[in-house]
């Protein structure tokens, strides 16, 4: 009898641990219990949910800043769901919508008279992905450039300080030699 009770308690505990947390129903504490979601992201989720429930994972990814496909997959693996469904990847419709915006802007820049058609050509998919990665690469390069500029400025200040120190050390010697002459 004791073994059955312990087995039941263990199963209930396991079920509680693996219970899915639905984004549209969970409170801040439940969202924080999902590995990878901290107070900042849970606050963003709750703020966006006040505007309306999330329709699906694509809606969730678009509305909550800081959550992309990678994070959505991680959160789903940890038990997060949207309307009871786990993350399966982004469907073609929202991806095409995202891809058409950069493609449409590029088309408008190239030919002012020809409006964008609203559907992205097949070749636009890699460029949209590159555009998505490009800002990160640019930000990283910018940080590296700033870091290098700070290091150069620090070296320049150190050289100036050394020059001043050397000049101070040389001043008494020069005065002494001038007095001798």
C-alpha atoms as a PDB file:
ATOM      1  CA  UNK A   1       0.000   0.000   0.000  1.00  0.00           C
ATOM      2  CA  UNK A   2       2.822   2.415   0.876  1.00  0.00           C
ATOM      3  CA  UNK A   3       4.539   1.677  -2.439  1.00  0.00           C
ATOM      4  CA  UNK A   4       1.371   2.553  -4.346  1.00  0.00           C
ATOM      5  CA  UNK A   5       1.012   5.859  -2.499  1.00  0.00           C
ATOM      6  CA  UNK A   6       4.659   6.745  -3.128  1.00  0.00           C
ATOM      7  CA  UNK A   7       4.283   5.802  -6.800  1.00  0.00           C
ATOM      8  CA  UNK A   8       1.177   7.985  -7.064  1.00  0.00           C
ATOM      9  CA  UNK A   9       2.938  10.925  -5.411  1.00  0.00           C
ATOM     10  CA  UNK A  10       5.933  10.489  -7.707  1.00  0.00           C
ATOM     11  CA  UNK A  11       3.676  10.441 -10.787  1.00  0.00           C
ATOM     12  CA  UNK A  12       1.818  13.547  -9.641  1.00  0.00           C
ATOM     13  CA  UNK A  13       5.112  15.312  -9.030  1.00  0.00           C
ATOM     14  CA  UNK A  14       6.387  14.305 -12.475  1.00  0.00           C
ATOM     15  CA  UNK A  15       3.148  15.472 -14.073  1.00  0.00           C
ATOM     16  CA  UNK A  16       3.408  18.806 -12.271  1.00  0.00           C
ATOM     17  CA  UNK A  17       7.004  19.242 -13.419  1.00  0.00           C
ATOM     18  CA  UNK A  18       6.163  18.543 -17.033  1.00  0.00           C
ATOM     19  CA  UNK A  19       2.849  20.370 -17.037  1.00  0.00           C
ATOM     20  CA  UNK A  20       2.591  22.789 -19.891  1.00  0.00           C
ATOM     21  CA  UNK A  21       2.434  26.475 -19.087  1.00  0.00           C
ATOM     22  CA  UNK A  22       0.076  28.271 -21.474  1.00  0.00           C
ATOM     23  CA  UNK A  23       1.168  31.814 -22.292  1.00  0.00           C
ATOM     24  CA  UNK A  24      -2.437  33.054 -22.406  1.00  0.00           C
ATOM     25  CA  UNK A  25      -3.345  31.665 -18.963  1.00  0.00           C
ATOM     26  CA  UNK A  26      -0.142  31.758 -16.900  1.00  0.00           C
ATOM     27  CA  UNK A  27       0.723  34.335 -14.302  1.00  0.00           C
ATOM     28  CA  UNK A  28       4.135  35.889 -13.776  1.00  0.00           C
ATOM     29  CA  UNK A  29       5.266  33.171 -11.344  1.00  0.00           C
ATOM     30  CA  UNK A  30       4.267  30.387 -13.733  1.00  0.00           C
ATOM     31  CA  UNK A  31       6.047  32.074 -16.636  1.00  0.00           C
ATOM     32  CA  UNK A  32       9.153  32.552 -14.482  1.00  0.00           C
ATOM     33  CA  UNK A  33       9.095  28.838 -13.697  1.00  0.00           C
ATOM     34  CA  UNK A  34       9.841  28.080 -17.365  1.00  0.00           C
ATOM     35  CA  UNK A  35      13.604  27.743 -17.806  1.00  0.00           C
ATOM     36  CA  UNK A  36      14.902  30.700 -19.816  1.00  0.00           C
ATOM     37  CA  UNK A  37      12.080  33.076 -18.958  1.00  0.00           C
ATOM     38  CA  UNK A  38      13.011  35.610 -16.328  1.00  0.00           C
ATOM     39  CA  UNK A  39      11.164  38.528 -14.797  1.00  0.00           C
ATOM     40  CA  UNK A  40      11.937  40.821 -17.742  1.00  0.00           C
ATOM     41  CA  UNK A  41      10.518  38.520 -20.409  1.00  0.00           C
ATOM     42  CA  UNK A  42       7.546  37.485 -18.286  1.00  0.00           C
ATOM     43  CA  UNK A  43       6.703  41.180 -17.801  1.00  0.00           C
ATOM     44  CA  UNK A  44       6.885  41.748 -21.563  1.00  0.00           C
ATOM     45  CA  UNK A  45       4.649  38.724 -22.136  1.00  0.00           C
ATOM     46  CA  UNK A  46       2.068  39.927 -19.615  1.00  0.00           C
ATOM     47  CA  UNK A  47       2.122  43.468 -21.031  1.00  0.00           C
ATOM     48  CA  UNK A  48       1.498  42.171 -24.551  1.00  0.00           C
ATOM     49  CA  UNK A  49      -1.191  39.785 -23.324  1.00  0.00           C
ATOM     50  CA  UNK A  50      -3.092  42.756 -21.853  1.00  0.00           C
ATOM     51  CA  UNK A  51      -3.536  43.961 -25.440  1.00  0.00           C
ATOM     52  CA  UNK A  52      -5.069  40.608 -26.377  1.00  0.00           C
ATOM     53  CA  UNK A  53      -4.374  36.886 -26.169  1.00  0.00           C
ATOM     54  CA  UNK A  54      -1.711  35.398 -28.398  1.00  0.00           C
ATOM     55  CA  UNK A  55      -3.248  33.640 -31.403  1.00  0.00           C
ATOM     56  CA  UNK A  56      -0.318  31.338 -32.116  1.00  0.00           C
ATOM     57  CA  UNK A  57       3.452  31.093 -31.829  1.00  0.00           C
ATOM     58  CA  UNK A  58       4.007  33.477 -34.733  1.00  0.00           C
ATOM     59  CA  UNK A  59       1.878  36.117 -33.016  1.00  0.00           C
ATOM     60  CA  UNK A  60       3.788  35.506 -29.788  1.00  0.00           C
ATOM     61  CA  UNK A  61       7.200  35.883 -31.500  1.00  0.00           C
ATOM     62  CA  UNK A  62       6.156  39.050 -33.327  1.00  0.00           C
ATOM     63  CA  UNK A  63       4.641  40.795 -30.307  1.00  0.00           C
ATOM     64  CA  UNK A  64       7.128  39.938 -27.553  1.00  0.00           C
ATOM     65  CA  UNK A  65      10.434  41.726 -28.082  1.00  0.00           C
ATOM     66  CA  UNK A  66      13.469  39.574 -27.334  1.00  0.00           C
ATOM     67  CA  UNK A  67      11.782  36.299 -28.270  1.00  0.00           C
ATOM     68  CA  UNK A  68      12.755  34.832 -31.606  1.00  0.00           C
ATOM     69  CA  UNK A  69      12.388  31.411 -33.154  1.00  0.00           C
ATOM     70  CA  UNK A  70      15.335  30.036 -31.188  1.00  0.00           C
ATOM     71  CA  UNK A  71      14.014  31.202 -27.835  1.00  0.00           C
ATOM     72  CA  UNK A  72      10.510  30.047 -28.731  1.00  0.00           C
ATOM     73  CA  UNK A  73      11.834  26.547 -29.440  1.00  0.00           C
ATOM     74  CA  UNK A  74      13.723  26.529 -26.123  1.00  0.00           C
ATOM     75  CA  UNK A  75      10.700  27.761 -24.180  1.00  0.00           C
ATOM     76  CA  UNK A  76       8.495  25.158 -25.867  1.00  0.00           C
ATOM     77  CA  UNK A  77      10.947  22.395 -24.950  1.00  0.00           C
ATOM     78  CA  UNK A  78      10.709  23.590 -21.344  1.00  0.00           C
ATOM     79  CA  UNK A  79       6.907  23.314 -21.389  1.00  0.00           C
ATOM     80  CA  UNK A  80       5.622  26.656 -22.697  1.00  0.00           C
ATOM     81  CA  UNK A  81       2.633  26.518 -25.051  1.00  0.00           C
ATOM     82  CA  UNK A  82       0.477  29.006 -26.909  1.00  0.00           C
ATOM     83  CA  UNK A  83      -3.182  27.957 -26.830  1.00  0.00           C
ATOM     84  CA  UNK A  84      -2.051  24.472 -25.822  1.00  0.00           C
ATOM     85  CA  UNK A  85       0.223  23.924 -28.827  1.00  0.00           C
ATOM     86  CA  UNK A  86       4.004  23.512 -28.641  1.00  0.00           C
ATOM     87  CA  UNK A  87       6.310  25.411 -30.987  1.00  0.00           C
ATOM     88  CA  UNK A  88       6.789  23.637 -34.309  1.00  0.00           C
ATOM     89  CA  UNK A  89       8.566  26.355 -36.246  1.00  0.00           C
ATOM     90  CA  UNK A  90       7.267  29.358 -38.099  1.00  0.00           C
ATOM     91  CA  UNK A  91       4.686  28.700 -40.784  1.00  0.00           C
ATOM     92  CA  UNK A  92       5.201  30.028 -44.305  1.00  0.00           C
ATOM     93  CA  UNK A  93       2.624  32.840 -44.167  1.00  0.00           C
ATOM     94  CA  UNK A  94       4.254  35.101 -41.547  1.00  0.00           C
ATOM     95  CA  UNK A  95       7.743  34.395 -42.921  1.00  0.00           C
ATOM     96  CA  UNK A  96       6.628  35.476 -46.382  1.00  0.00           C
ATOM     97  CA  UNK A  97       5.075  38.584 -44.879  1.00  0.00           C
ATOM     98  CA  UNK A  98       8.349  39.458 -43.161  1.00  0.00           C
ATOM     99  CA  UNK A  99      10.329  38.756 -46.314  1.00  0.00           C
ATOM    100  CA  UNK A 100       8.135  40.918 -48.526  1.00  0.00           C
ATOM    101  CA  UNK A 101       8.729  44.044 -46.471  1.00  0.00           C
ATOM    102  CA  UNK A 102      12.496  44.253 -47.150  1.00  0.00           C
ATOM    103  CA  UNK A 103      11.975  43.027 -50.712  1.00  0.00           C
ATOM    104  CA  UNK A 104       9.251  45.605 -51.310  1.00  0.00           C
ATOM    105  CA  UNK A 105      11.429  48.388 -49.943  1.00  0.00           C
ATOM    106  CA  UNK A 106      14.308  47.273 -52.147  1.00  0.00           C
ATOM    107  CA  UNK A 107      12.021  47.144 -55.206  1.00  0.00           C
ATOM    108  CA  UNK A 108      10.688  50.634 -54.466  1.00  0.00           C
ATOM    109  CA  UNK A 109      14.219  52.005 -54.178  1.00  0.00           C
ATOM    110  CA  UNK A 110      15.293  50.430 -57.476  1.00  0.00           C
ATOM    111  CA  UNK A 111      12.227  51.342 -59.540  1.00  0.00           C
ATOM    112  CA  UNK A 112       9.993  54.131 -58.272  1.00  0.00           C
ATOM    113  CA  UNK A 113       7.319  53.619 -60.960  1.00  0.00           C
ATOM    114  CA  UNK A 114       6.883  49.882 -60.316  1.00  0.00           C
ATOM    115  CA  UNK A 115       5.039  49.084 -57.056  1.00  0.00           C
ATOM    116  CA  UNK A 116       5.892  45.992 -55.024  1.00  0.00           C
ATOM    117  CA  UNK A 117       3.676  43.001 -55.801  1.00  0.00           C
ATOM    118  CA  UNK A 118       3.328  41.791 -52.204  1.00  0.00           C
ATOM    119  CA  UNK A 119       4.861  38.378 -52.805  1.00  0.00           C
ATOM    120  CA  UNK A 120       8.547  37.867 -52.347  1.00  0.00           C
ATOM    121  CA  UNK A 121      10.530  36.129 -55.063  1.00  0.00           C
ATOM    122  CA  UNK A 122      12.206  32.864 -54.094  1.00  0.00           C
ATOM    123  CA  UNK A 123      15.628  34.514 -54.112  1.00  0.00           C
ATOM    124  CA  UNK A 124      14.506  37.070 -51.500  1.00  0.00           C
ATOM    125  CA  UNK A 125      14.440  34.483 -48.686  1.00  0.00           C
ATOM    126  CA  UNK A 126      18.230  34.353 -48.165  1.00  0.00           C
ATOM    127  CA  UNK A 127      18.521  38.137 -48.309  1.00  0.00           C
ATOM    128  CA  UNK A 128      15.812  38.557 -45.693  1.00  0.00           C
ATOM    129  CA  UNK A 129      17.662  36.127 -43.452  1.00  0.00           C
ATOM    130  CA  UNK A 130      20.916  37.962 -44.116  1.00  0.00           C
ATOM    131  CA  UNK A 131      19.202  41.260 -43.277  1.00  0.00           C
ATOM    132  CA  UNK A 132      18.005  39.707 -40.052  1.00  0.00           C
ATOM    133  CA  UNK A 133      21.552  38.653 -39.148  1.00  0.00           C
ATOM    134  CA  UNK A 134      23.224  41.771 -40.541  1.00  0.00           C
ATOM    135  CA  UNK A 135      22.116  44.133 -37.745  1.00  0.00           C
ATOM    136  CA  UNK A 136      23.620  41.768 -35.202  1.00  0.00           C
ATOM    137  CA  UNK A 137      26.870  41.636 -37.136  1.00  0.00           C
ATOM    138  CA  UNK A 138      26.837  45.409 -37.503  1.00  0.00           C
ATOM    139  CA  UNK A 139      26.205  45.876 -33.798  1.00  0.00           C
ATOM    140  CA  UNK A 140      29.018  43.480 -32.965  1.00  0.00           C
ATOM    141  CA  UNK A 141      31.381  45.241 -35.365  1.00  0.00           C
ATOM    142  CA  UNK A 142      30.353  48.598 -33.916  1.00  0.00           C
ATOM    143  CA  UNK A 143      31.055  47.385 -30.383  1.00  0.00           C
ATOM    144  CA  UNK A 144      34.441  46.037 -31.475  1.00  0.00           C
ATOM    145  CA  UNK A 145      35.265  49.356 -33.156  1.00  0.00           C
ATOM    146  CA  UNK A 146      34.245  51.272 -30.032  1.00  0.00           C
ATOM    147  CA  UNK A 147      36.302  48.939 -27.891  1.00  0.00           C
ATOM    148  CA  UNK A 148      39.319  49.397 -30.154  1.00  0.00           C
ATOM    149  CA  UNK A 149      38.859  53.189 -30.192  1.00  0.00           C
ATOM    150  CA  UNK A 150      38.725  53.219 -26.383  1.00  0.00           C
ATOM    151  CA  UNK A 151      41.892  51.104 -26.211  1.00  0.00           C
ATOM    152  CA  UNK A 152      43.672  53.443 -28.634  1.00  0.00           C
ATOM    153  CA  UNK A 153      42.495  56.477 -26.664  1.00  0.00           C
ATOM    154  CA  UNK A 154      43.732  54.865 -23.457  1.00  0.00           C
ATOM    155  CA  UNK A 155      47.129  54.182 -25.041  1.00  0.00           C
ATOM    156  CA  UNK A 156      47.277  57.762 -26.311  1.00  0.00           C
ATOM    157  CA  UNK A 157      46.503  59.144 -22.844  1.00  0.00           C
ATOM    158  CA  UNK A 158      49.105  56.848 -21.303  1.00  0.00           C
ATOM    159  CA  UNK A 159      51.688  58.053 -23.837  1.00  0.00           C
ATOM    160  CA  UNK A 160      50.810  61.686 -23.093  1.00  0.00           C
ATOM    161  CA  UNK A 161      51.064  61.080 -19.356  1.00  0.00           C
ATOM    162  CA  UNK A 162      54.454  59.412 -19.841  1.00  0.00           C
ATOM    163  CA  UNK A 163      55.621  62.309 -21.996  1.00  0.00           C
ATOM    164  CA  UNK A 164      54.570  64.803 -19.296  1.00  0.00           C
ATOM    165  CA  UNK A 165      56.308  62.739 -16.635  1.00  0.00           C
ATOM    166  CA  UNK A 166      59.480  62.551 -18.723  1.00  0.00           C
ATOM    167  CA  UNK A 167      59.289  66.304 -19.388  1.00  0.00           C
ATOM    168  CA  UNK A 168      58.997  66.998 -15.654  1.00  0.00           C
ATOM    169  CA  UNK A 169      61.958  64.760 -14.979  1.00  0.00           C
ATOM    170  CA  UNK A 170      64.010  66.481 -17.696  1.00  0.00           C
ATOM    171  CA  UNK A 171      63.143  70.034 -16.584  1.00  0.00           C
ATOM    172  CA  UNK A 172      65.426  70.075 -13.483  1.00  0.00           C
ATOM    173  CA  UNK A 173      68.253  68.507 -15.485  1.00  0.00           C
ATOM    174  CA  UNK A 174      67.915  71.136 -18.217  1.00  0.00           C
ATOM    175  CA  UNK A 175      67.821  73.942 -15.654  1.00  0.00           C
ATOM    176  CA  UNK A 176      70.914  72.561 -13.928  1.00  0.00           C
ATOM    177  CA  UNK A 177      72.845  72.290 -17.179  1.00  0.00           C
ATOM    178  CA  UNK A 178      71.771  75.805 -18.181  1.00  0.00           C
ATOM    179  CA  UNK A 179      72.957  77.147 -14.824  1.00  0.00           C
ATOM    180  CA  UNK A 180      76.367  75.546 -15.363  1.00  0.00           C
ATOM    181  CA  UNK A 181      76.803  77.226 -18.720  1.00  0.00           C
END
